[in-house]
PDB file of N, CA and C in Angstrom:
ATOM      1  N   GLN A   1      88.839  95.472 104.520  1.00  0.00           N
ATOM      2  CA  GLN A   1      89.832  96.532 104.343  1.00  0.00           C
ATOM      3  C   GLN A   1      90.234  97.105 105.698  1.00  0.00           C
ATOM      4  N   VAL A   2      91.463  97.579 105.732  1.00  0.00           N
ATOM      5  CA  VAL A   2      91.991  98.207 106.939  1.00  0.00           C
ATOM      6  C   VAL A   2      92.584  99.550 106.551  1.00  0.00           C
ATOM      7  N   GLN A   3      92.255 100.564 107.320  1.00  0.00           N
ATOM      8  CA  GLN A   3      92.838 101.880 107.121  1.00  0.00           C
ATOM      9  C   GLN A   3      93.773 102.182 108.288  1.00  0.00           C
ATOM     10  N   LEU A   4      94.899 102.784 107.957  1.00  0.00           N
ATOM     11  CA  LEU A   4      95.923 103.080 108.959  1.00  0.00           C
ATOM     12  C   LEU A   4      96.240 104.564 108.936  1.00  0.00           C
ATOM     13  N   VAL A   5      96.231 105.181 110.101  1.00  0.00           N
ATOM     14  CA  VAL A   5      96.537 106.603 110.208  1.00  0.00           C
ATOM     15  C   VAL A   5      97.690 106.786 111.186  1.00  0.00           C
ATOM     16  N   GLU A   6      98.785 107.321 110.659  1.00  0.00           N
ATOM     17  CA  GLU A   6      99.990 107.507 111.469  1.00  0.00           C
ATOM     18  C   GLU A   6     100.082 108.931 111.996  1.00  0.00           C
ATOM     19  N   SER A   7     100.810 109.086 113.086  1.00  0.00           N
ATOM     20  CA  SER A   7     101.116 110.407 113.620  1.00  0.00           C
ATOM     21  C   SER A   7     102.399 110.325 114.428  1.00  0.00           C
ATOM     22  N   GLY A   8     103.015 111.481 114.650  1.00  0.00           N
ATOM     23  CA  GLY A   8     104.156 111.543 115.549  1.00  0.00           C
ATOM     24  C   GLY A   8     105.508 111.765 114.901  1.00  0.00           C
ATOM     25  N   GLY A   9     105.573 111.814 113.588  1.00  0.00           N
ATOM     26  CA  GLY A   9     106.851 112.079 112.956  1.00  0.00           C
ATOM     27  C   GLY A   9     107.274 113.524 113.144  1.00  0.00           C
ATOM     28  N   GLY A  10     108.491 113.840 112.704  1.00  0.00           N
ATOM     29  CA  GLY A  10     108.957 115.203 112.817  1.00  0.00           C
ATOM     30  C   GLY A  10     110.460 115.301 112.736  1.00  0.00           C
ATOM     31  N   LEU A  11     110.961 116.452 113.146  1.00  0.00           N
ATOM     32  CA  LEU A  11     112.394 116.741 113.125  1.00  0.00           C
ATOM     33  C   LEU A  11     112.924 116.720 114.548  1.00  0.00           C
ATOM     34  N   VAL A  12     114.018 116.020 114.741  1.00  0.00           N
ATOM     35  CA  VAL A  12     114.623 115.920 116.067  1.00  0.00           C
ATOM     36  C   VAL A  12     116.135 115.893 115.919  1.00  0.00           C
ATOM     37  N   GLN A  13     116.829 116.355 116.935  1.00  0.00           N
ATOM     38  CA  GLN A  13     118.287 116.305 116.918  1.00  0.00           C
ATOM     39  C   GLN A  13     118.779 114.907 117.280  1.00  0.00           C
ATOM     40  N   ALA A  14     119.961 114.600 116.834  1.00  0.00           N
ATOM     41  CA  ALA A  14     120.572 113.316 117.171  1.00  0.00           C
ATOM     42  C   ALA A  14     120.616 113.149 118.688  1.00  0.00           C
ATOM     43  N   GLY A  15     120.267 111.942 119.132  1.00  0.00           N
ATOM     44  CA  GLY A  15     120.196 111.680 120.561  1.00  0.00           C
ATOM     45  C   GLY A  15     118.818 111.889 121.148  1.00  0.00           C
ATOM     46  N   GLY A  16     117.942 112.499 120.376  1.00  0.00           N
ATOM     47  CA  GLY A  16     116.595 112.779 120.851  1.00  0.00           C
ATOM     48  C   GLY A  16     115.654 111.596 120.692  1.00  0.00           C
ATOM     49  N   SER A  17     114.397 111.851 120.999  1.00  0.00           N
ATOM     50  CA  SER A  17     113.378 110.800 120.980  1.00  0.00           C
ATOM     51  C   SER A  17     112.139 111.260 120.221  1.00  0.00           C
ATOM     52  N   LEU A  18     111.454 110.294 119.655  1.00  0.00           N
ATOM     53  CA  LEU A  18     110.156 110.517 119.033  1.00  0.00           C
ATOM     54  C   LEU A  18     109.289 109.298 119.303  1.00  0.00           C
ATOM     55  N   ARG A  19     107.974 109.528 119.308  1.00  0.00           N
ATOM     56  CA  ARG A  19     107.037 108.428 119.462  1.00  0.00           C
ATOM     57  C   ARG A  19     106.046 108.466 118.309  1.00  0.00           C
ATOM     58  N   LEU A  20     106.015 107.381 117.563  1.00  0.00           N
ATOM     59  CA  LEU A  20     105.067 107.247 116.460  1.00  0.00           C
ATOM     60  C   LEU A  20     103.839 106.469 116.929  1.00  0.00           C
ATOM     61  N   SER A  21     102.697 106.852 116.387  1.00  0.00           N
ATOM     62  CA  SER A  21     101.455 106.140 116.670  1.00  0.00           C
ATOM     63  C   SER A  21     100.770 105.796 115.353  1.00  0.00           C
ATOM     64  N   CYS A  22     100.044 104.700 115.382  1.00  0.00           N
ATOM     65  CA  CYS A  22      99.289 104.289 114.197  1.00  0.00           C
ATOM     66  C   CYS A  22      97.993 103.634 114.647  1.00  0.00           C
ATOM     67  N   ALA A  23      96.898 104.205 114.226  1.00  0.00           N
ATOM     68  CA  ALA A  23      95.585 103.673 114.570  1.00  0.00           C
ATOM     69  C   ALA A  23      94.979 102.960 113.372  1.00  0.00           C
ATOM     70  N   ALA A  24      94.520 101.756 113.581  1.00  0.00           N
ATOM     71  CA  ALA A  24      93.884 100.969 112.529  1.00  0.00           C
ATOM     72  C   ALA A  24      92.373 101.025 112.676  1.00  0.00           C
ATOM     73  N   SER A  25      91.700 101.065 111.551  1.00  0.00           N
ATOM     74  CA  SER A  25      90.238 101.025 111.547  1.00  0.00           C
ATOM     75  C   SER A  25      89.781 100.170 110.376  1.00  0.00           C
ATOM     76  N   GLY A  26      88.508  99.830 110.395  1.00  0.00           N
ATOM     77  CA  GLY A  26      87.975  98.955 109.357  1.00  0.00           C
ATOM     78  C   GLY A  26      87.721  97.564 109.921  1.00  0.00           C
ATOM     79  N   THR A  27      87.972  96.557 109.110  1.00  0.00           N
ATOM     80  CA  THR A  27      87.744  95.175 109.538  1.00  0.00           C
ATOM     81  C   THR A  27      89.031  94.617 110.136  1.00  0.00           C
ATOM     82  N   ILE A  28      89.099  94.595 111.448  1.00  0.00           N
ATOM     83  CA  ILE A  28      90.292  94.139 112.158  1.00  0.00           C
ATOM     84  C   ILE A  28      90.055  92.713 112.634  1.00  0.00           C
ATOM     85  N   VAL A  29      90.818  91.775 112.117  1.00  0.00           N
ATOM     86  CA  VAL A  29      90.706  90.391 112.552  1.00  0.00           C
ATOM     87  C   VAL A  29      91.625  90.181 113.742  1.00  0.00           C
ATOM     88  N   SER A  30      91.350  89.149 114.528  1.00  0.00           N
ATOM     89  CA  SER A  30      92.070  88.978 115.786  1.00  0.00           C
ATOM     90  C   SER A  30      93.520  88.551 115.585  1.00  0.00           C
ATOM     91  N   ASN A  31      93.774  87.696 114.598  1.00  0.00           N
ATOM     92  CA  ASN A  31      95.124  87.175 114.399  1.00  0.00           C
ATOM     93  C   ASN A  31      95.869  88.080 113.422  1.00  0.00           C
ATOM     94  N   ASN A  32      96.575  89.055 113.974  1.00  0.00           N
ATOM     95  CA  ASN A  32      97.234  90.017 113.102  1.00  0.00           C
ATOM     96  C   ASN A  32      98.564  90.463 113.687  1.00  0.00           C
ATOM     97  N   ALA A  33      99.293  91.175 112.883  1.00  0.00           N
ATOM     98  CA  ALA A  33     100.522  91.814 113.326  1.00  0.00           C
ATOM     99  C   ALA A  33     100.472  93.274 112.891  1.00  0.00           C
ATOM    100  N   MET A  34     101.048  94.125 113.719  1.00  0.00           N
ATOM    101  CA  MET A  34     101.152  95.539 113.362  1.00  0.00           C
ATOM    102  C   MET A  34     102.571  95.997 113.650  1.00  0.00           C
ATOM    103  N   GLY A  35     103.023  96.933 112.856  1.00  0.00           N
ATOM    104  CA  GLY A  35     104.369  97.395 113.083  1.00  0.00           C
ATOM    105  C   GLY A  35     104.769  98.526 112.166  1.00  0.00           C
ATOM    106  N   TRP A  36     106.092  98.643 112.009  1.00  0.00           N
ATOM    107  CA  TRP A  36     106.642  99.777 111.284  1.00  0.00           C
ATOM    108  C   TRP A  36     107.750  99.328 110.335  1.00  0.00           C
ATOM    109  N   TYR A  37     107.702  99.877 109.149  1.00  0.00           N
ATOM    110  CA  TYR A  37     108.791  99.794 108.192  1.00  0.00           C
ATOM    111  C   TYR A  37     109.275 101.219 107.938  1.00  0.00           C
ATOM    112  N   ARG A  38     110.442 101.334 107.337  1.00  0.00           N
ATOM    113  CA  ARG A  38     110.935 102.656 106.957  1.00  0.00           C
ATOM    114  C   ARG A  38     111.652 102.588 105.614  1.00  0.00           C
ATOM    115  N   GLN A  39     111.673 103.735 104.960  1.00  0.00           N
ATOM    116  CA  GLN A  39     112.354 103.822 103.668  1.00  0.00           C
ATOM    117  C   GLN A  39     113.090 105.146 103.593  1.00  0.00           C
ATOM    118  N   ALA A  40     114.394 105.049 103.469  1.00  0.00           N
ATOM    119  CA  ALA A  40     115.245 106.231 103.300  1.00  0.00           C
ATOM    120  C   ALA A  40     115.424 106.493 101.808  1.00  0.00           C
ATOM    121  N   PRO A  41     115.759 107.711 101.438  1.00  0.00           N
ATOM    122  CA  PRO A  41     115.939 108.032 100.014  1.00  0.00           C
ATOM    123  C   PRO A  41     116.967 107.123  99.361  1.00  0.00           C
ATOM    124  N   GLY A  42     116.591 106.537  98.240  1.00  0.00           N
ATOM    125  CA  GLY A  42     117.502 105.684  97.504  1.00  0.00           C
ATOM    126  C   GLY A  42     117.672 104.291  98.072  1.00  0.00           C
ATOM    127  N   LYS A  43     116.919 103.962  99.101  1.00  0.00           N
ATOM    128  CA  LYS A  43     117.050 102.646  99.722  1.00  0.00           C
ATOM    129  C   LYS A  43     115.718 101.893  99.687  1.00  0.00           C
ATOM    130  N   GLN A  44     115.802 100.588  99.898  1.00  0.00           N
ATOM    131  CA  GLN A  44     114.603  99.776  99.937  1.00  0.00           C
ATOM    132  C   GLN A  44     113.887  99.943 101.278  1.00  0.00           C
ATOM    133  N   ARG A  45     112.599  99.685 101.248  1.00  0.00           N
ATOM    134  CA  ARG A  45     111.832  99.705 102.481  1.00  0.00           C
ATOM    135  C   ARG A  45     112.294  98.535 103.361  1.00  0.00           C
ATOM    136  N   GLU A  46     112.470  98.804 104.646  1.00  0.00           N
ATOM    137  CA  GLU A  46     112.971  97.778 105.548  1.00  0.00           C
ATOM    138  C   GLU A  46     112.144  97.722 106.827  1.00  0.00           C
ATOM    139  N   LEU A  47     112.094  96.542 107.411  1.00  0.00           N
ATOM    140  CA  LEU A  47     111.392  96.355 108.669  1.00  0.00           C
ATOM    141  C   LEU A  47     112.118  97.087 109.791  1.00  0.00           C
ATOM    142  N   VAL A  48     111.348  97.744 110.637  1.00  0.00           N
ATOM    143  CA  VAL A  48     111.887  98.340 111.855  1.00  0.00           C
ATOM    144  C   VAL A  48     111.483  97.482 113.052  1.00  0.00           C
ATOM    145  N   ALA A  49     110.192  97.275 113.223  1.00  0.00           N
ATOM    146  CA  ALA A  49     109.692  96.479 114.345  1.00  0.00           C
ATOM    147  C   ALA A  49     108.287  96.009 114.029  1.00  0.00           C
ATOM    148  N   LEU A  50     107.961  94.841 114.543  1.00  0.00           N
ATOM    149  CA  LEU A  50     106.665  94.223 114.299  1.00  0.00           C
ATOM    150  C   LEU A  50     106.196  93.581 115.584  1.00  0.00           C
ATOM    151  N   MET A  51     104.885  93.660 115.829  1.00  0.00           N
ATOM    152  CA  MET A  51     104.338  93.060 117.038  1.00  0.00           C
ATOM    153  C   MET A  51     103.044  92.341 116.716  1.00  0.00           C
ATOM    154  N   PHE A  52     102.944  91.089 117.118  1.00  0.00           N
ATOM    155  CA  PHE A  52     101.743  90.302 116.910  1.00  0.00           C
ATOM    156  C   PHE A  52     100.756  90.575 118.036  1.00  0.00           C
ATOM    157  N   ASN A  53      99.480  90.325 117.762  1.00  0.00           N
ATOM    158  CA  ASN A  53      98.465  90.562 118.785  1.00  0.00           C
ATOM    159  C   ASN A  53      98.704  89.680 120.004  1.00  0.00           C
ATOM    160  N   SER A  54      99.446  88.596 119.832  1.00  0.00           N
ATOM    161  CA  SER A  54      99.772  87.719 120.955  1.00  0.00           C
ATOM    162  C   SER A  54     100.863  88.304 121.844  1.00  0.00           C
ATOM    163  N   GLY A  55     101.555  89.316 121.340  1.00  0.00           N
ATOM    164  CA  GLY A  55     102.616  89.951 122.110  1.00  0.00           C
ATOM    165  C   GLY A  55     104.016  89.688 121.586  1.00  0.00           C
ATOM    166  N   GLY A  56     104.164  88.743 120.678  1.00  0.00           N
ATOM    167  CA  GLY A  56     105.472  88.482 120.113  1.00  0.00           C
ATOM    168  C   GLY A  56     105.979  89.651 119.287  1.00  0.00           C
ATOM    169  N   THR A  57     107.299  89.867 119.312  1.00  0.00           N
ATOM    170  CA  THR A  57     107.882  91.007 118.604  1.00  0.00           C
ATOM    171  C   THR A  57     109.043  90.571 117.717  1.00  0.00           C
ATOM    172  N   ASN A  58     109.326  91.418 116.757  1.00  0.00           N
ATOM    173  CA  ASN A  58     110.462  91.219 115.871  1.00  0.00           C
ATOM    174  C   ASN A  58     111.063  92.593 115.605  1.00  0.00           C
ATOM    175  N   TYR A  59     112.354  92.744 115.869  1.00  0.00           N
ATOM    176  CA  TYR A  59     113.024  94.025 115.679  1.00  0.00           C
ATOM    177  C   TYR A  59     114.162  93.885 114.666  1.00  0.00           C
ATOM    178  N   ALA A  60     114.379  94.930 113.897  1.00  0.00           N
ATOM    179  CA  ALA A  60     115.586  95.013 113.099  1.00  0.00           C
ATOM    180  C   ALA A  60     116.769  95.197 114.038  1.00  0.00           C
ATOM    181  N   ASP A  61     117.928  94.714 113.623  1.00  0.00           N
ATOM    182  CA  ASP A  61     119.118  94.860 114.468  1.00  0.00           C
ATOM    183  C   ASP A  61     119.390  96.330 114.779  1.00  0.00           C
ATOM    184  N   SER A  62     119.120  97.197 113.822  1.00  0.00           N
ATOM    185  CA  SER A  62     119.384  98.627 114.004  1.00  0.00           C
ATOM    186  C   SER A  62     118.464  99.259 115.048  1.00  0.00           C
ATOM    187  N   ALA A  63     117.350  98.599 115.339  1.00  0.00           N
ATOM    188  CA  ALA A  63     116.373  99.139 116.283  1.00  0.00           C
ATOM    189  C   ALA A  63     116.527  98.570 117.696  1.00  0.00           C
ATOM    190  N   LYS A  64     117.172  97.441 117.791  1.00  0.00           N
ATOM    191  CA  LYS A  64     117.275  96.780 119.101  1.00  0.00           C
ATOM    192  C   LYS A  64     118.021  97.651 120.112  1.00  0.00           C
ATOM    193  N   GLY A  65     117.441  97.775 121.290  1.00  0.00           N
ATOM    194  CA  GLY A  65     118.059  98.564 122.345  1.00  0.00           C
ATOM    195  C   GLY A  65     117.734 100.040 122.304  1.00  0.00           C
ATOM    196  N   ARG A  66     117.183 100.517 121.193  1.00  0.00           N
ATOM    197  CA  ARG A  66     116.856 101.945 121.075  1.00  0.00           C
ATOM    198  C   ARG A  66     115.357 102.170 120.856  1.00  0.00           C
ATOM    199  N   PHE A  67     114.715 101.283 120.126  1.00  0.00           N
ATOM    200  CA  PHE A  67     113.302 101.430 119.791  1.00  0.00           C
ATOM    201  C   PHE A  67     112.490 100.389 120.547  1.00  0.00           C
ATOM    202  N   THR A  68     111.271 100.776 120.922  1.00  0.00           N
ATOM    203  CA  THR A  68     110.363  99.853 121.592  1.00  0.00           C
ATOM    204  C   THR A  68     108.993  99.922 120.927  1.00  0.00           C
ATOM    205  N   ILE A  69     108.512  98.779 120.508  1.00  0.00           N
ATOM    206  CA  ILE A  69     107.180  98.717 119.918  1.00  0.00           C
ATOM    207  C   ILE A  69     106.190  98.249 120.973  1.00  0.00           C
ATOM    208  N   SER A  70     105.015  98.807 120.938  1.00  0.00           N
ATOM    209  CA  SER A  70     103.954  98.388 121.844  1.00  0.00           C
ATOM    210  C   SER A  70     102.619  98.567 121.126  1.00  0.00           C
ATOM    211  N   ARG A  71     101.604  97.962 121.665  1.00  0.00           N
ATOM    212  CA  ARG A  71     100.292  98.113 121.044  1.00  0.00           C
ATOM    213  C   ARG A  71      99.195  98.031 122.075  1.00  0.00           C
ATOM    214  N   ASP A  72      98.097  98.689 121.740  1.00  0.00           N
ATOM    215  CA  ASP A  72      96.889  98.650 122.547  1.00  0.00           C
ATOM    216  C   ASP A  72      95.839  97.960 121.686  1.00  0.00           C
ATOM    217  N   ASN A  73      95.607  96.691 121.946  1.00  0.00           N
ATOM    218  CA  ASN A  73      94.693  95.925 121.106  1.00  0.00           C
ATOM    219  C   ASN A  73      93.262  96.453 121.187  1.00  0.00           C
ATOM    220  N   ALA A  74      92.885  96.984 122.334  1.00  0.00           N
ATOM    221  CA  ALA A  74      91.526  97.516 122.480  1.00  0.00           C
ATOM    222  C   ALA A  74      91.304  98.721 121.572  1.00  0.00           C
ATOM    223  N   LYS A  75      92.385  99.459 121.306  1.00  0.00           N
ATOM    224  CA  LYS A  75      92.305 100.645 120.455  1.00  0.00           C
ATOM    225  C   LYS A  75      92.828 100.388 119.048  1.00  0.00           C
ATOM    226  N   ASN A  76      93.264  99.147 118.790  1.00  0.00           N
ATOM    227  CA  ASN A  76      93.849  98.812 117.481  1.00  0.00           C
ATOM    228  C   ASN A  76      94.937  99.811 117.097  1.00  0.00           C
ATOM    229  N   THR A  77      95.770 100.114 118.049  1.00  0.00           N
ATOM    230  CA  THR A  77      96.813 101.119 117.857  1.00  0.00           C
ATOM    231  C   THR A  77      98.172 100.532 118.200  1.00  0.00           C
ATOM    232  N   VAL A  78      99.148 100.869 117.380  1.00  0.00           N
ATOM    233  CA  VAL A  78     100.514 100.448 117.623  1.00  0.00           C
ATOM    234  C   VAL A  78     101.384 101.681 117.784  1.00  0.00           C
ATOM    235  N   TYR A  79     102.380 101.574 118.641  1.00  0.00           N
ATOM    236  CA  TYR A  79     103.274 102.684 118.945  1.00  0.00           C
ATOM    237  C   TYR A  79     104.717 102.257 118.687  1.00  0.00           C
ATOM    238  N   LEU A  80     105.544 103.238 118.384  1.00  0.00           N
ATOM    239  CA  LEU A  80     106.979 103.004 118.269  1.00  0.00           C
ATOM    240  C   LEU A  80     107.682 104.124 119.023  1.00  0.00           C
ATOM    241  N   GLN A  81     108.266 103.772 120.152  1.00  0.00           N
ATOM    242  CA  GLN A  81     109.062 104.723 120.916  1.00  0.00           C
ATOM    243  C   GLN A  81     110.500 104.628 120.424  1.00  0.00           C
ATOM    244  N   MET A  82     111.006 105.736 119.910  1.00  0.00           N
ATOM    245  CA  MET A  82     112.348 105.759 119.339  1.00  0.00           C
ATOM    246  C   MET A  82     113.228 106.668 120.191  1.00  0.00           C
ATOM    247  N   ASN A  83     114.245 106.086 120.789  1.00  0.00           N
ATOM    248  CA  ASN A  83     115.196 106.821 121.620  1.00  0.00           C
ATOM    249  C   ASN A  83     116.577 106.799 120.980  1.00  0.00           C
ATOM    250  N   SER A  84     117.429 107.684 121.459  1.00  0.00           N
ATOM    251  CA  SER A  84     118.817 107.748 120.963  1.00  0.00           C
ATOM    252  C   SER A  84     118.855 107.773 119.440  1.00  0.00           C
ATOM    253  N   LEU A  85     118.049 108.623 118.866  1.00  0.00           N
ATOM    254  CA  LEU A  85     117.950 108.672 117.403  1.00  0.00           C
ATOM    255  C   LEU A  85     119.243 109.127 116.769  1.00  0.00           C
ATOM    256  N   LYS A  86     119.506 108.578 115.595  1.00  0.00           N
ATOM    257  CA  LYS A  86     120.711 108.871 114.838  1.00  0.00           C
ATOM    258  C   LYS A  86     120.318 109.438 113.475  1.00  0.00           C
ATOM    259  N   PRO A  87     121.210 110.198 112.840  1.00  0.00           N
ATOM    260  CA  PRO A  87     120.891 110.711 111.499  1.00  0.00           C
ATOM    261  C   PRO A  87     120.510 109.600 110.519  1.00  0.00           C
ATOM    262  N   GLU A  88     121.093 108.430 110.668  1.00  0.00           N
ATOM    263  CA  GLU A  88     120.763 107.320 109.769  1.00  0.00           C
ATOM    264  C   GLU A  88     119.376 106.742 109.992  1.00  0.00           C
ATOM    265  N   ASP A  89     118.687 107.198 111.031  1.00  0.00           N
ATOM    266  CA  ASP A  89     117.283 106.807 111.231  1.00  0.00           C
ATOM    267  C   ASP A  89     116.335 107.663 110.388  1.00  0.00           C
ATOM    268  N   THR A  90     116.865 108.674 109.732  1.00  0.00           N
ATOM    269  CA  THR A  90     116.046 109.536 108.891  1.00  0.00           C
ATOM    270  C   THR A  90     115.422 108.735 107.757  1.00  0.00           C
ATOM    271  N   ALA A  91     114.095 108.799 107.665  1.00  0.00           N
ATOM    272  CA  ALA A  91     113.371 108.017 106.666  1.00  0.00           C
ATOM    273  C   ALA A  91     111.888 108.346 106.766  1.00  0.00           C
ATOM    274  N   VAL A  92     111.147 107.858 105.800  1.00  0.00           N
ATOM    275  CA  VAL A  92     109.687 107.851 105.922  1.00  0.00           C
ATOM    276  C   VAL A  92     109.314 106.549 106.625  1.00  0.00           C
ATOM    277  N   TYR A  93     108.564 106.651 107.681  1.00  0.00           N
ATOM    278  CA  TYR A  93     108.161 105.486 108.465  1.00  0.00           C
ATOM    279  C   TYR A  93     106.716 105.135 108.114  1.00  0.00           C
ATOM    280  N   TYR A  94     106.520 103.879 107.760  1.00  0.00           N
ATOM    281  CA  TYR A  94     105.212 103.400 107.328  1.00  0.00           C
ATOM    282  C   TYR A  94     104.639 102.430 108.352  1.00  0.00           C
ATOM    283  N   CYS A  95     103.411 102.663 108.708  1.00  0.00           N
ATOM    284  CA  CYS A  95     102.694 101.709 109.551  1.00  0.00           C
ATOM    285  C   CYS A  95     102.272 100.522 108.692  1.00  0.00           C
ATOM    286  N   TYR A  96     102.257  99.358 109.299  1.00  0.00           N
ATOM    287  CA  TYR A  96     101.996  98.110 108.576  1.00  0.00           C
ATOM    288  C   TYR A  96     101.049  97.245 109.380  1.00  0.00           C
ATOM    289  N   HIS A  97     100.077  96.680 108.689  1.00  0.00           N
ATOM    290  CA  HIS A  97      99.113  95.767 109.331  1.00  0.00           C
ATOM    291  C   HIS A  97      99.039  94.508 108.501  1.00  0.00           C
ATOM    292  N   PHE A  98      99.121  93.366 109.155  1.00  0.00           N
ATOM    293  CA  PHE A  98      99.188  92.084 108.452  1.00  0.00           C
ATOM    294  C   PHE A  98      98.176  91.113 109.027  1.00  0.00           C
ATOM    295  N   ARG A  99      97.323  90.611 108.163  1.00  0.00           N
ATOM    296  CA  ARG A  99      96.384  89.575 108.583  1.00  0.00           C
ATOM    297  C   ARG A  99      97.078  88.230 108.437  1.00  0.00           C
ATOM    298  N   VAL A 100      97.348  87.554 109.534  1.00  0.00           N
ATOM    299  CA  VAL A 100      98.167  86.347 109.518  1.00  0.00           C
ATOM    300  C   VAL A 100      97.499  85.231 108.714  1.00  0.00           C
ATOM    301  N   ASN A 101      96.216  85.006 108.919  1.00  0.00           N
ATOM    302  CA  ASN A 101      95.547  83.861 108.286  1.00  0.00           C
ATOM    303  C   ASN A 101      95.432  84.012 106.768  1.00  0.00           C
ATOM    304  N   THR A 102      95.171  85.207 106.285  1.00  0.00           N
ATOM    305  CA  THR A 102      94.983  85.434 104.855  1.00  0.00           C
ATOM    306  C   THR A 102      96.209  86.055 104.198  1.00  0.00           C
ATOM    307  N   ARG A 103      97.186  86.434 104.991  1.00  0.00           N
ATOM    308  CA  ARG A 103      98.441  87.034 104.510  1.00  0.00           C
ATOM    309  C   ARG A 103      98.195  88.325 103.721  1.00  0.00           C
ATOM    310  N   GLU A 104      97.182  89.061 104.105  1.00  0.00           N
ATOM    311  CA  GLU A 104      96.917  90.361 103.466  1.00  0.00           C
ATOM    312  C   GLU A 104      97.696  91.439 104.217  1.00  0.00           C
ATOM    313  N   SER A 105      98.236  92.376 103.456  1.00  0.00           N
ATOM    314  CA  SER A 105      99.021  93.470 104.027  1.00  0.00           C
ATOM    315  C   SER A 105      98.361  94.815 103.733  1.00  0.00           C
ATOM    316  N   TYR A 106      98.499  95.709 104.686  1.00  0.00           N
ATOM    317  CA  TYR A 106      97.974  97.068 104.537  1.00  0.00           C
ATOM    318  C   TYR A 106      99.054  98.045 105.009  1.00  0.00           C
ATOM    319  N   TRP A 107      99.073  99.206 104.354  1.00  0.00           N
ATOM    320  CA  TRP A 107     100.100 100.208 104.647  1.00  0.00           C
ATOM    321  C   TRP A 107      99.476 101.553 104.951  1.00  0.00           C
ATOM    322  N   GLY A 108     100.121 102.292 105.854  1.00  0.00           N
ATOM    323  CA  GLY A 108      99.760 103.672 106.075  1.00  0.00           C
ATOM    324  C   GLY A 108     100.377 104.564 105.017  1.00  0.00           C
ATOM    325  N   GLN A 109     100.100 105.843 105.117  1.00  0.00           N
ATOM    326  CA  GLN A 109     100.583 106.775 104.102  1.00  0.00           C
ATOM    327  C   GLN A 109     102.015 107.205 104.340  1.00  0.00           C
ATOM    328  N   GLY A 110     102.529 106.940 105.530  1.00  0.00           N
ATOM    329  CA  GLY A 110     103.907 107.272 105.860  1.00  0.00           C
ATOM    330  C   GLY A 110     104.021 108.580 106.618  1.00  0.00           C
ATOM    331  N   THR A 111     104.992 108.635 107.507  1.00  0.00           N
ATOM    332  CA  THR A 111     105.273 109.858 108.262  1.00  0.00           C
ATOM    333  C   THR A 111     106.784 110.079 108.268  1.00  0.00           C
ATOM    334  N   GLN A 112     107.184 111.302 108.006  1.00  0.00           N
ATOM    335  CA  GLN A 112     108.608 111.611 107.870  1.00  0.00           C
ATOM    336  C   GLN A 112     109.259 111.774 109.243  1.00  0.00           C
ATOM    337  N   VAL A 113     110.385 111.106 109.412  1.00  0.00           N
ATOM    338  CA  VAL A 113     111.230 111.299 110.590  1.00  0.00           C
ATOM    339  C   VAL A 113     112.580 111.793 110.091  1.00  0.00           C
ATOM    340  N   THR A 114     113.000 112.943 110.587  1.00  0.00           N
ATOM    341  CA  THR A 114     114.278 113.526 110.208  1.00  0.00           C
ATOM    342  C   THR A 114     115.100 113.766 111.459  1.00  0.00           C
ATOM    343  N   VAL A 115     116.299 113.202 111.464  1.00  0.00           N
ATOM    344  CA  VAL A 115     117.206 113.351 112.599  1.00  0.00           C
ATOM    345  C   VAL A 115     118.404 114.174 112.141  1.00  0.00           C
ATOM    346  N   SER A 116     118.589 115.312 112.743  1.00  0.00           N
ATOM    347  CA  SER A 116     119.695 116.191 112.362  1.00  0.00           C
ATOM    348  C   SER A 116     120.916 115.914 113.232  1.00  0.00           C
ATOM    349  N   SER A 117     122.077 116.097 112.629  1.00  0.00           N
ATOM    350  CA  SER A 117     123.330 115.826 113.364  1.00  0.00           C
ATOM    351  C   SER A 117     123.817 117.054 114.100  1.00  0.00           C
TER     352      SER A 117
END
């Protein structure tokens, strides 16, 4: 099992920045991916950014150029630096952990990000 604890959400004005953090604990296998999804009211949950322990990344088109994902493997922590935030970025952001070999997924409880216009 893997437990995920997120922090860093909040309210920010359009054009501002926020940094999300997510710490994983429990049984962490080496071949994994960690990242962020988000879900806005009335919409499906969507990928924001994902990073493999090898360093490979995957970004949603909406995040490219504005958001940067990074991770500290020694701390089993993933970060999402969000710049130039827009009102349409308003959503609950969920931390995600994926065991590549067994294809098991784990989710955090979510953290609210609200961008005011």
